[in-house]
């Protein structure tokens, strides 16, 4: 019985390690507080990997707008970062170089 329990514990630990290390698990990270550091930045609904361009303009974000993005956890495609707009609480894409002031609020 003890060997069975030990084997079960090892299997459970392995499954947990695989789940935590899985790339999909990174998308579940809450975005870090940041701001738009550009005078204005276009905020798009999605990113088209075929054309390497953002699509479906949602709005323009102006300097100081509260946004969220966690480097290394939320995706960045060709300089366009998956970003959370805290105003209407929606995800979209904006230029990575316009995200700064991390943990400033």
C-alpha atoms as a PDB file:
ATOM      1  CA  UNK A   1       0.000   0.000   0.000  1.00  0.00           C
ATOM      2  CA  UNK A   2       2.862   2.380   0.840  1.00  0.00           C
ATOM      3  CA  UNK A   3       4.464   1.880  -2.603  1.00  0.00           C
ATOM      4  CA  UNK A   4       1.119   2.562  -4.293  1.00  0.00           C
ATOM      5  CA  UNK A   5       0.657   5.761  -2.289  1.00  0.00           C
ATOM      6  CA  UNK A   6       4.180   6.933  -3.137  1.00  0.00           C
ATOM      7  CA  UNK A   7       3.688   6.214  -6.845  1.00  0.00           C
ATOM      8  CA  UNK A   8       0.377   8.074  -6.768  1.00  0.00           C
ATOM      9  CA  UNK A   9       2.015  11.067  -5.083  1.00  0.00           C
ATOM     10  CA  UNK A  10       4.777  11.129  -7.691  1.00  0.00           C
ATOM     11  CA  UNK A  11       2.224  10.988 -10.532  1.00  0.00           C
ATOM     12  CA  UNK A  12       0.150  13.775  -8.986  1.00  0.00           C
ATOM     13  CA  UNK A  13       3.250  15.942  -8.566  1.00  0.00           C
ATOM     14  CA  UNK A  14       4.265  15.302 -12.185  1.00  0.00           C
ATOM     15  CA  UNK A  15       0.813  16.280 -13.478  1.00  0.00           C
ATOM     16  CA  UNK A  16       0.921  19.464 -11.393  1.00  0.00           C
ATOM     17  CA  UNK A  17       4.396  20.348 -12.725  1.00  0.00           C
ATOM     18  CA  UNK A  18       3.297  19.801 -16.329  1.00  0.00           C
ATOM     19  CA  UNK A  19       0.168  21.914 -15.824  1.00  0.00           C
ATOM     20  CA  UNK A  20       2.072  24.808 -14.247  1.00  0.00           C
ATOM     21  CA  UNK A  21       4.785  24.729 -16.898  1.00  0.00           C
ATOM     22  CA  UNK A  22       2.374  24.482 -19.827  1.00  0.00           C
ATOM     23  CA  UNK A  23       2.454  27.556 -22.117  1.00  0.00           C
ATOM     24  CA  UNK A  24      -1.329  27.901 -21.933  1.00  0.00           C
ATOM     25  CA  UNK A  25      -1.095  28.377 -18.180  1.00  0.00           C
ATOM     26  CA  UNK A  26       0.785  31.649 -18.743  1.00  0.00           C
ATOM     27  CA  UNK A  27      -2.343  33.245 -20.219  1.00  0.00           C
ATOM     28  CA  UNK A  28      -3.989  32.939 -16.818  1.00  0.00           C
ATOM     29  CA  UNK A  29      -1.603  35.458 -15.226  1.00  0.00           C
ATOM     30  CA  UNK A  30      -3.271  38.675 -14.090  1.00  0.00           C
ATOM     31  CA  UNK A  31      -1.948  41.703 -16.005  1.00  0.00           C
ATOM     32  CA  UNK A  32       0.498  43.992 -14.168  1.00  0.00           C
ATOM     33  CA  UNK A  33      -0.696  47.552 -13.668  1.00  0.00           C
ATOM     34  CA  UNK A  34       0.830  49.923 -16.212  1.00  0.00           C
ATOM     35  CA  UNK A  35      -0.081  53.041 -18.196  1.00  0.00           C
ATOM     36  CA  UNK A  36      -0.010  54.189 -21.794  1.00  0.00           C
ATOM     37  CA  UNK A  37       3.214  56.222 -22.086  1.00  0.00           C
ATOM     38  CA  UNK A  38       2.541  57.420 -25.651  1.00  0.00           C
ATOM     39  CA  UNK A  39       0.566  60.573 -26.469  1.00  0.00           C
ATOM     40  CA  UNK A  40      -1.970  58.285 -28.133  1.00  0.00           C
ATOM     41  CA  UNK A  41      -2.083  54.597 -28.982  1.00  0.00           C
ATOM     42  CA  UNK A  42      -4.497  52.624 -31.116  1.00  0.00           C
ATOM     43  CA  UNK A  43      -6.191  49.772 -29.257  1.00  0.00           C
ATOM     44  CA  UNK A  44      -7.281  46.857 -31.448  1.00  0.00           C
ATOM     45  CA  UNK A  45      -9.605  43.940 -30.772  1.00  0.00           C
ATOM     46  CA  UNK A  46      -7.335  41.230 -32.195  1.00  0.00           C
ATOM     47  CA  UNK A  47      -4.110  40.429 -34.039  1.00  0.00           C
ATOM     48  CA  UNK A  48      -4.071  38.694 -37.428  1.00  0.00           C
ATOM     49  CA  UNK A  49      -1.105  36.333 -37.513  1.00  0.00           C
ATOM     50  CA  UNK A  50      -1.416  35.908 -41.301  1.00  0.00           C
ATOM     51  CA  UNK A  51      -0.911  39.608 -42.048  1.00  0.00           C
ATOM     52  CA  UNK A  52       1.108  40.361 -38.881  1.00  0.00           C
ATOM     53  CA  UNK A  53      -1.184  43.335 -38.247  1.00  0.00           C
ATOM     54  CA  UNK A  54      -3.725  44.215 -35.563  1.00  0.00           C
ATOM     55  CA  UNK A  55      -7.370  44.249 -36.671  1.00  0.00           C
ATOM     56  CA  UNK A  56     -10.657  45.847 -35.613  1.00  0.00           C
ATOM     57  CA  UNK A  57      -9.789  49.174 -34.021  1.00  0.00           C
ATOM     58  CA  UNK A  58     -11.656  49.562 -30.720  1.00  0.00           C
ATOM     59  CA  UNK A  59     -10.524  53.004 -29.572  1.00  0.00           C
ATOM     60  CA  UNK A  60      -7.573  55.321 -29.055  1.00  0.00           C
ATOM     61  CA  UNK A  61      -5.904  55.319 -25.658  1.00  0.00           C
ATOM     62  CA  UNK A  62      -4.281  58.564 -24.511  1.00  0.00           C
ATOM     63  CA  UNK A  63      -1.280  59.223 -22.277  1.00  0.00           C
ATOM     64  CA  UNK A  64      -1.759  58.016 -18.718  1.00  0.00           C
ATOM     65  CA  UNK A  65      -4.598  55.580 -19.512  1.00  0.00           C
ATOM     66  CA  UNK A  66      -4.508  52.666 -17.048  1.00  0.00           C
ATOM     67  CA  UNK A  67      -3.722  49.403 -18.806  1.00  0.00           C
ATOM     68  CA  UNK A  68      -2.320  46.038 -17.858  1.00  0.00           C
ATOM     69  CA  UNK A  69       0.280  43.757 -19.406  1.00  0.00           C
ATOM     70  CA  UNK A  70       2.611  41.210 -17.838  1.00  0.00           C
ATOM     71  CA  UNK A  71       5.866  40.838 -19.805  1.00  0.00           C
ATOM     72  CA  UNK A  72       6.601  37.195 -20.505  1.00  0.00           C
ATOM     73  CA  UNK A  73       3.072  36.084 -19.642  1.00  0.00           C
ATOM     74  CA  UNK A  74       0.774  37.889 -22.073  1.00  0.00           C
ATOM     75  CA  UNK A  75       1.611  37.462 -25.768  1.00  0.00           C
ATOM     76  CA  UNK A  76       3.416  39.986 -27.958  1.00  0.00           C
ATOM     77  CA  UNK A  77       3.188  39.635 -31.735  1.00  0.00           C
ATOM     78  CA  UNK A  78       5.469  41.709 -33.930  1.00  0.00           C
ATOM     79  CA  UNK A  79       5.560  44.524 -31.339  1.00  0.00           C
ATOM     80  CA  UNK A  80       1.805  44.392 -30.528  1.00  0.00           C
ATOM     81  CA  UNK A  81       1.073  43.330 -26.962  1.00  0.00           C
ATOM     82  CA  UNK A  82      -2.034  41.712 -25.539  1.00  0.00           C
ATOM     83  CA  UNK A  83      -3.186  44.416 -23.132  1.00  0.00           C
ATOM     84  CA  UNK A  84      -6.008  44.881 -20.656  1.00  0.00           C
ATOM     85  CA  UNK A  85      -7.786  48.254 -20.731  1.00  0.00           C
ATOM     86  CA  UNK A  86      -8.969  48.863 -17.180  1.00  0.00           C
ATOM     87  CA  UNK A  87     -11.497  51.501 -18.319  1.00  0.00           C
ATOM     88  CA  UNK A  88     -14.096  49.285 -19.996  1.00  0.00           C
ATOM     89  CA  UNK A  89     -12.274  46.149 -18.731  1.00  0.00           C
ATOM     90  CA  UNK A  90     -11.534  44.580 -22.105  1.00  0.00           C
ATOM     91  CA  UNK A  91      -8.562  42.846 -23.692  1.00  0.00           C
ATOM     92  CA  UNK A  92      -7.021  44.120 -26.902  1.00  0.00           C
ATOM     93  CA  UNK A  93      -3.698  44.839 -28.587  1.00  0.00           C
ATOM     94  CA  UNK A  94      -1.572  47.966 -28.441  1.00  0.00           C
ATOM     95  CA  UNK A  95       2.039  48.698 -29.297  1.00  0.00           C
ATOM     96  CA  UNK A  96       4.382  47.276 -26.676  1.00  0.00           C
ATOM     97  CA  UNK A  97       6.551  50.414 -26.664  1.00  0.00           C
ATOM     98  CA  UNK A  98       3.527  52.416 -25.448  1.00  0.00           C
ATOM     99  CA  UNK A  99       3.223  50.346 -22.275  1.00  0.00           C
ATOM    100  CA  UNK A 100       5.229  51.593 -19.306  1.00  0.00           C
ATOM    101  CA  UNK A 101       4.975  52.973 -15.813  1.00  0.00           C
ATOM    102  CA  UNK A 102       4.588  49.474 -14.417  1.00  0.00           C
ATOM    103  CA  UNK A 103       3.234  49.388 -10.850  1.00  0.00           C
ATOM    104  CA  UNK A 104       2.764  53.170 -10.883  1.00  0.00           C
ATOM    105  CA  UNK A 105      -0.771  52.967  -9.620  1.00  0.00           C
END
